[in-house]
Amino acid sequence: LGHLPFLVGISSSQGLGYKLPAYRSVAKIASAENPVVATPVFVEPRHACQNLSNPEDVRGKIAIVSRGECLFSVKEAIVARAGAMAMVVINYASHGSILVHMAGTSKIPSVMITNSSGNRIIEALADGQMSDVQLTVVELGGGPQESEQTLSEFSSRCCTVDFRFKPEIVAPGEYIISARSDGGINKPNTPCYPEIGNHGNAALRASKGTSMAAPLVAGAAAIVRQYFVQGWYPTGAPVSQHAHFPSASLVKATLIAGAIPGKYHYQSSGSVHGSFVKSSEKSNLHWGYGL
């Protein structure tokens, strides 16, 4: 599970209609009630790591920026200084569908999209329709609880090769702050703040994937086991006569029974490619029985 994403919509009078998933920075938010709608323009130089050579073109527009060569906060500050209404960063081609949360400066709404989504914007502008094409940067909707119930785009789903139902449950595995080590010891002055990207010498770092989700499930399973071992079941209080060692199946069943269904999952095909859709199903092949 991850954070509820933004959407970058592409539209024109010629019938373009894409909804592209995006992850926002920690900067200013473009809410569903107050989206940013403007003409897109590519900045020059494309990485926006120095003052722009086309600030007049960027003013009042949504700046399209390439990832790399400098911090996200530097890019955001430069395009904001040029008068951009929002910034859309196109990810590296080699990173596939993986998106990251960007450290921002809280000046303008800033989001990241995949390289393939960036190519859709490039294609939309390639036919000389730049004055007609518009981008919409908007939050998908919902509050913190719905954010926690959104399946990450990169999460594995569906079945095993022998058609068993997987996953049964999911856990938070995106932008999880945990301990960081560089292999050294005796570093009392290491600062205690999350590392952003590959920068800094922090004692903590934000990461994602099964490395973050699996320990959370293991910890929950340990608590469930302790509940039975200490005799909390069925009275809700520790009674030694009720103590017993639960089987792995019982621990697993308890986790499944207590799971909260997800709400959003990524749709990679169909009439609207690359959008997050809301599901009313309590269990499915995306998140199993939930969180």
Protein backbone atom coordinates (compact mmCIF):
# COMPACT_ATOMS: atom_id res chain seq x y z
CA LEU A 1 0.00 0.00 0.00
CA GLY A 2 1.10 3.54 -0.61
CA HIS A 3 0.00 7.13 -0.72
CA LEU A 4 -2.98 8.35 -2.69
CA PRO A 5 -1.52 9.81 -5.86
CA PHE A 6 -2.22 12.84 -7.94
CA LEU A 7 -3.47 12.65 -11.48
CA VAL A 8 -2.10 14.54 -14.44
CA GLY A 9 -4.82 14.83 -17.05
CA ILE A 10 -4.16 15.67 -20.71
CA SER A 11 -6.98 17.15 -22.75
CA SER A 12 -7.61 19.11 -25.95
CA SER A 13 -10.48 20.00 -28.26
CA GLN A 14 -9.21 17.26 -30.58
CA GLY A 15 -10.43 14.64 -28.12
CA LEU A 16 -7.31 13.81 -26.12
CA GLY A 17 -8.28 12.35 -22.77
CA TYR A 18 -5.61 10.68 -20.63
CA LYS A 19 -5.45 10.34 -16.87
CA LEU A 20 -1.88 9.67 -15.77
CA PRO A 21 -0.91 8.64 -12.21
CA ALA A 22 1.53 10.93 -10.43
CA TYR A 23 3.07 11.27 -6.99
CA ARG A 24 3.26 14.64 -5.38
CA SER A 25 6.05 16.38 -3.57
CA VAL A 26 5.77 17.53 0.02
CA ALA A 27 5.06 20.98 -1.37
CA LYS A 28 1.81 22.83 -1.98
CA ILE A 29 -1.14 20.65 -2.95
CA ALA A 30 -3.46 21.07 -5.94
CA SER A 31 -6.72 19.89 -4.38
CA ALA A 32 -9.68 18.34 -6.14
CA GLU A 33 -11.59 21.57 -5.48
CA ASN A 34 -8.79 23.76 -6.81
CA PRO A 35 -6.86 21.95 -9.58
CA VAL A 36 -4.15 23.57 -11.65
CA VAL A 37 -5.22 23.74 -15.30
CA ALA A 38 -2.82 25.31 -17.80
CA THR A 39 -0.89 24.81 -21.01
CA PRO A 40 2.22 22.60 -20.65
CA VAL A 41 5.61 23.83 -21.75
CA PHE A 42 9.01 22.15 -21.74
CA VAL A 43 11.62 24.12 -19.84
CA GLU A 44 15.05 24.86 -21.25
CA PRO A 45 17.38 23.43 -20.17
CA ARG A 46 15.20 20.35 -19.66
CA HIS A 47 16.56 19.41 -16.19
CA ALA A 48 15.89 22.91 -14.77
CA CYS A 49 19.03 22.88 -12.66
CA GLN A 50 19.99 26.43 -13.67
CA ASN A 51 18.15 29.59 -14.63
CA LEU A 52 15.83 28.93 -17.55
CA SER A 53 16.52 30.26 -21.02
CA ASN A 54 12.77 30.42 -21.76
CA PRO A 55 11.20 31.97 -18.63
CA GLU A 56 8.70 33.95 -20.73
CA ASP A 57 7.33 30.71 -22.15
CA VAL A 58 7.05 29.15 -18.69
CA ARG A 59 5.22 32.00 -16.94
CA GLY A 60 1.61 31.04 -16.19
CA LYS A 61 2.11 27.52 -17.59
CA ILE A 62 2.74 24.03 -16.23
CA ALA A 63 6.48 23.39 -16.50
CA ILE A 64 7.55 19.98 -17.85
CA VAL A 65 10.94 19.02 -16.39
CA SER A 66 13.23 16.00 -16.76
CA ARG A 67 14.49 14.20 -13.66
CA GLY A 68 18.19 14.23 -12.80
CA GLU A 69 21.33 16.38 -12.32
CA CYS A 70 20.05 18.30 -9.26
CA LEU A 71 17.65 18.11 -6.31
CA PHE A 72 13.91 18.28 -6.88
CA SER A 73 13.75 21.30 -4.60
CA VAL A 74 16.22 23.13 -6.88
CA LYS A 75 14.10 22.39 -9.94
CA GLU A 76 10.95 23.55 -8.18
CA ALA A 77 12.53 26.79 -6.97
CA ILE A 78 13.84 27.62 -10.46
CA VAL A 79 10.57 27.02 -12.32
CA ALA A 80 8.59 28.79 -9.59
CA ARG A 81 10.88 31.80 -9.93
CA ALA A 82 10.10 31.80 -13.66
CA GLY A 83 6.39 32.03 -12.84
CA ALA A 84 5.25 28.45 -13.50
CA MET A 85 1.88 27.47 -12.01
CA ALA A 86 2.97 23.87 -11.37
CA MET A 87 5.81 21.46 -12.18
CA VAL A 88 5.58 17.98 -13.69
CA VAL A 89 8.79 15.93 -13.52
CA ILE A 90 9.26 13.09 -16.03
CA ASN A 91 11.07 10.11 -14.50
CA TYR A 92 14.01 8.22 -15.99
CA ALA A 93 13.14 5.69 -18.70
CA SER A 94 15.13 3.03 -16.80
CA HIS A 95 12.93 3.35 -13.69
CA GLY A 96 9.83 1.89 -15.32
CA SER A 97 6.66 2.52 -13.33
CA ILE A 98 8.45 3.42 -10.08
CA LEU A 99 7.71 6.93 -8.82
CA VAL A 100 9.17 8.68 -5.79
CA HIS A 101 8.10 11.39 -3.41
CA MET A 102 10.00 14.58 -4.10
CA ALA A 103 11.38 16.95 -1.50
CA GLY A 104 9.88 20.32 -2.39
CA THR A 105 10.06 23.96 -1.33
CA SER A 106 6.27 24.48 -0.92
CA LYS A 107 6.21 27.10 -3.67
CA ILE A 108 4.08 25.43 -6.35
CA PRO A 109 2.32 22.05 -6.80
CA SER A 110 4.89 19.57 -8.09
CA VAL A 111 4.35 15.98 -9.18
CA MET A 112 6.31 13.17 -10.82
CA ILE A 113 5.06 10.96 -13.66
CA THR A 114 6.56 7.90 -15.31
CA ASN A 115 8.64 8.15 -18.45
CA SER A 116 5.90 6.47 -20.48
CA SER A 117 3.38 9.02 -19.19
CA GLY A 118 5.81 11.77 -20.17
CA ASN A 119 5.90 10.35 -23.67
CA ARG A 120 2.13 10.75 -23.84
CA ILE A 121 2.53 14.46 -23.16
CA ILE A 122 5.27 14.67 -25.79
CA GLU A 123 3.01 12.92 -28.30
CA ALA A 124 0.15 15.27 -27.47
CA LEU A 125 2.32 18.27 -28.24
CA ALA A 126 4.05 16.78 -31.29
CA ASP A 127 1.29 17.64 -33.76
CA GLY A 128 1.58 21.39 -33.28
CA GLN A 129 -1.37 21.53 -30.89
CA MET A 130 0.58 23.12 -28.03
CA SER A 131 -1.75 26.12 -27.74
CA ASP A 132 -4.73 23.78 -27.46
CA VAL A 133 -3.39 21.01 -25.20
CA GLN A 134 -3.94 21.50 -21.48
CA LEU A 135 -2.72 19.64 -18.42
CA THR A 136 -4.68 19.29 -15.21
CA VAL A 137 -2.77 18.60 -11.98
CA VAL A 138 -5.18 17.44 -9.30
CA GLU A 139 -5.30 15.22 -6.22
CA LEU A 140 -7.15 11.94 -6.76
CA GLY A 141 -9.29 12.67 -3.72
CA GLY A 142 -9.87 11.43 -0.20
CA GLY A 143 -8.15 11.95 3.12
CA PRO A 144 -5.31 10.23 4.98
CA GLN A 145 -7.29 7.02 5.56
CA GLU A 146 -7.96 6.61 1.84
CA SER A 147 -4.30 7.35 1.14
CA GLU A 148 -3.35 4.42 3.33
CA GLN A 149 -5.82 2.20 1.45
CA THR A 150 -4.37 2.82 -2.01
CA LEU A 151 -2.43 -0.03 -3.58
CA SER A 152 1.00 1.00 -4.82
CA GLU A 153 1.35 0.88 -8.58
CA PHE A 154 4.39 -1.44 -8.35
CA SER A 155 2.76 -3.93 -5.96
CA SER A 156 2.60 -7.54 -7.20
CA ARG A 157 -0.87 -8.98 -7.52
CA CYS A 158 -3.10 -11.86 -8.64
CA CYS A 159 -2.16 -15.52 -8.44
CA THR A 160 0.64 -18.02 -8.07
CA VAL A 161 1.60 -20.43 -10.88
CA ASP A 162 -0.59 -23.08 -9.24
CA PHE A 163 -3.53 -20.62 -9.06
CA ARG A 164 -3.51 -19.94 -5.35
CA PHE A 165 -5.04 -16.63 -4.25
CA LYS A 166 -2.26 -14.10 -3.66
CA PRO A 167 -1.75 -11.76 -1.96
CA GLU A 168 -3.92 -12.54 1.04
CA ILE A 169 -3.01 -9.31 2.82
CA VAL A 170 -0.92 -6.23 2.08
CA ALA A 171 0.92 -3.72 4.25
CA PRO A 172 2.33 -0.19 3.95
CA GLY A 173 5.45 -0.37 1.81
CA GLU A 174 5.96 3.05 0.34
CA TYR A 175 7.97 5.93 1.79
CA ILE A 176 8.50 4.06 5.08
CA ILE A 177 11.11 5.68 7.34
CA SER A 178 13.51 3.19 8.89
CA ALA A 179 17.07 2.95 10.23
CA ARG A 180 19.90 3.50 7.78
CA SER A 181 23.41 2.10 7.93
CA ASP A 182 26.47 2.62 5.76
CA GLY A 183 28.35 -0.19 7.48
CA GLY A 184 30.29 2.12 9.77
CA ILE A 185 30.24 2.23 13.59
CA ASN A 186 30.84 4.78 16.33
CA LYS A 187 29.28 7.76 14.52
CA PRO A 188 27.62 9.72 17.34
CA ASN A 189 27.18 12.84 15.21
CA THR A 190 25.08 11.18 12.50
CA PRO A 191 21.99 13.41 12.06
CA CYS A 192 18.63 11.81 12.85
CA TYR A 193 16.48 12.83 9.89
CA PRO A 194 15.30 10.92 6.82
CA GLU A 195 17.71 10.70 3.92
CA ILE A 196 16.20 12.05 0.69
CA GLY A 197 17.35 10.09 -2.34
CA ASN A 198 21.10 9.46 -2.24
CA HIS A 199 21.96 12.66 -0.42
CA GLY A 200 23.06 13.24 3.15
CA ASN A 201 24.58 11.18 5.93
CA ALA A 202 21.38 10.49 7.83
CA ALA A 203 20.68 7.82 10.45
CA LEU A 204 17.24 7.27 8.93
CA ARG A 205 16.08 6.70 5.37
CA ALA A 206 12.81 6.44 3.47
CA SER A 207 12.40 3.31 1.38
CA LYS A 208 9.73 1.10 -0.18
CA GLY A 209 8.92 -2.40 -1.38
CA THR A 210 8.80 -5.77 0.39
CA SER A 211 11.78 -4.69 2.50
CA MET A 212 9.40 -2.31 4.26
CA ALA A 213 6.06 -4.17 4.00
CA ALA A 214 7.23 -7.65 5.10
CA PRO A 215 8.60 -6.51 8.50
CA LEU A 216 5.29 -4.77 9.24
CA VAL A 217 3.37 -7.99 8.57
CA ALA A 218 5.88 -10.00 10.62
CA GLY A 219 5.47 -7.59 13.52
CA ALA A 220 1.69 -7.83 13.32
CA ALA A 221 1.93 -11.65 13.28
CA ALA A 222 4.15 -11.55 16.38
CA ILE A 223 1.57 -9.45 18.24
CA VAL A 224 -1.23 -11.83 17.21
CA ARG A 225 0.83 -14.80 18.45
CA GLN A 226 1.51 -13.03 21.74
CA TYR A 227 -2.23 -12.44 22.13
CA PHE A 228 -2.85 -16.20 22.18
CA VAL A 229 0.30 -17.20 24.08
CA GLN A 230 -0.55 -14.85 26.96
CA GLY A 231 -4.14 -16.05 27.10
CA TRP A 232 -5.94 -12.89 25.98
CA TYR A 233 -8.40 -14.92 23.93
CA PRO A 234 -11.38 -15.15 24.39
CA THR A 235 -11.93 -12.76 27.31
CA GLY A 236 -9.78 -9.85 26.16
CA ALA A 237 -7.69 -10.09 29.32
CA PRO A 238 -4.58 -12.22 30.05
CA VAL A 239 -5.75 -15.48 31.67
CA SER A 240 -3.09 -18.14 32.16
CA GLN A 241 -5.60 -21.00 31.79
CA HIS A 242 -6.44 -19.76 28.27
CA ALA A 243 -2.82 -19.52 27.12
CA HIS A 244 -1.81 -21.69 24.18
CA PHE A 245 0.58 -21.67 21.26
CA PRO A 246 -1.35 -20.85 18.06
CA SER A 247 -0.61 -22.59 14.79
CA ALA A 248 0.74 -20.60 11.85
CA SER A 249 -2.63 -21.09 10.14
CA LEU A 250 -4.47 -19.52 13.09
CA VAL A 251 -2.12 -16.51 13.12
CA LYS A 252 -2.59 -16.06 9.38
CA ALA A 253 -6.38 -16.44 9.62
CA THR A 254 -6.50 -13.84 12.39
CA LEU A 255 -4.56 -11.34 10.30
CA ILE A 256 -6.88 -11.93 7.34
CA ALA A 257 -10.01 -11.63 9.50
CA GLY A 258 -8.82 -8.31 10.86
CA ALA A 259 -7.77 -6.82 7.51
CA ILE A 260 -9.29 -3.57 6.24
CA PRO A 261 -10.20 -3.68 2.52
CA GLY A 262 -8.34 -1.40 0.16
CA LYS A 263 -9.99 1.34 -1.89
CA TYR A 264 -7.91 2.24 -4.94
CA HIS A 265 -5.82 0.17 -7.31
CA TYR A 266 -3.90 0.94 -10.49
CA GLN A 267 -5.55 0.13 -13.81
CA SER A 268 -2.91 -0.60 -16.45
CA SER A 269 -5.28 -1.39 -19.31
CA GLY A 270 -8.78 -0.69 -20.54
CA SER A 271 -10.50 2.45 -21.76
CA VAL A 272 -8.55 4.73 -19.42
CA HIS A 273 -4.96 3.48 -19.30
CA GLY A 274 -2.80 4.35 -16.32
CA SER A 275 -5.37 5.56 -13.80
CA PHE A 276 -6.16 4.70 -10.19
CA VAL A 277 -9.69 3.35 -9.85
CA LYS A 278 -11.83 2.99 -6.76
CA SER A 279 -13.09 -0.48 -5.94
CA SER A 280 -16.04 -1.46 -3.74
CA GLU A 281 -14.89 -5.09 -3.51
CA LYS A 282 -13.94 -6.24 -0.02
CA SER A 283 -11.44 -8.73 -1.47
CA ASN A 284 -9.86 -9.06 -4.89
CA LEU A 285 -6.71 -10.08 -6.73
CA HIS A 286 -5.10 -6.68 -6.11
CA TRP A 287 -4.88 -6.55 -2.31
CA GLY A 288 -6.36 -9.86 -1.17
CA TYR A 289 -8.40 -9.20 1.97
CA GLY A 290 -6.78 -5.83 2.62
CA LEU A 291 -4.45 -4.21 5.12
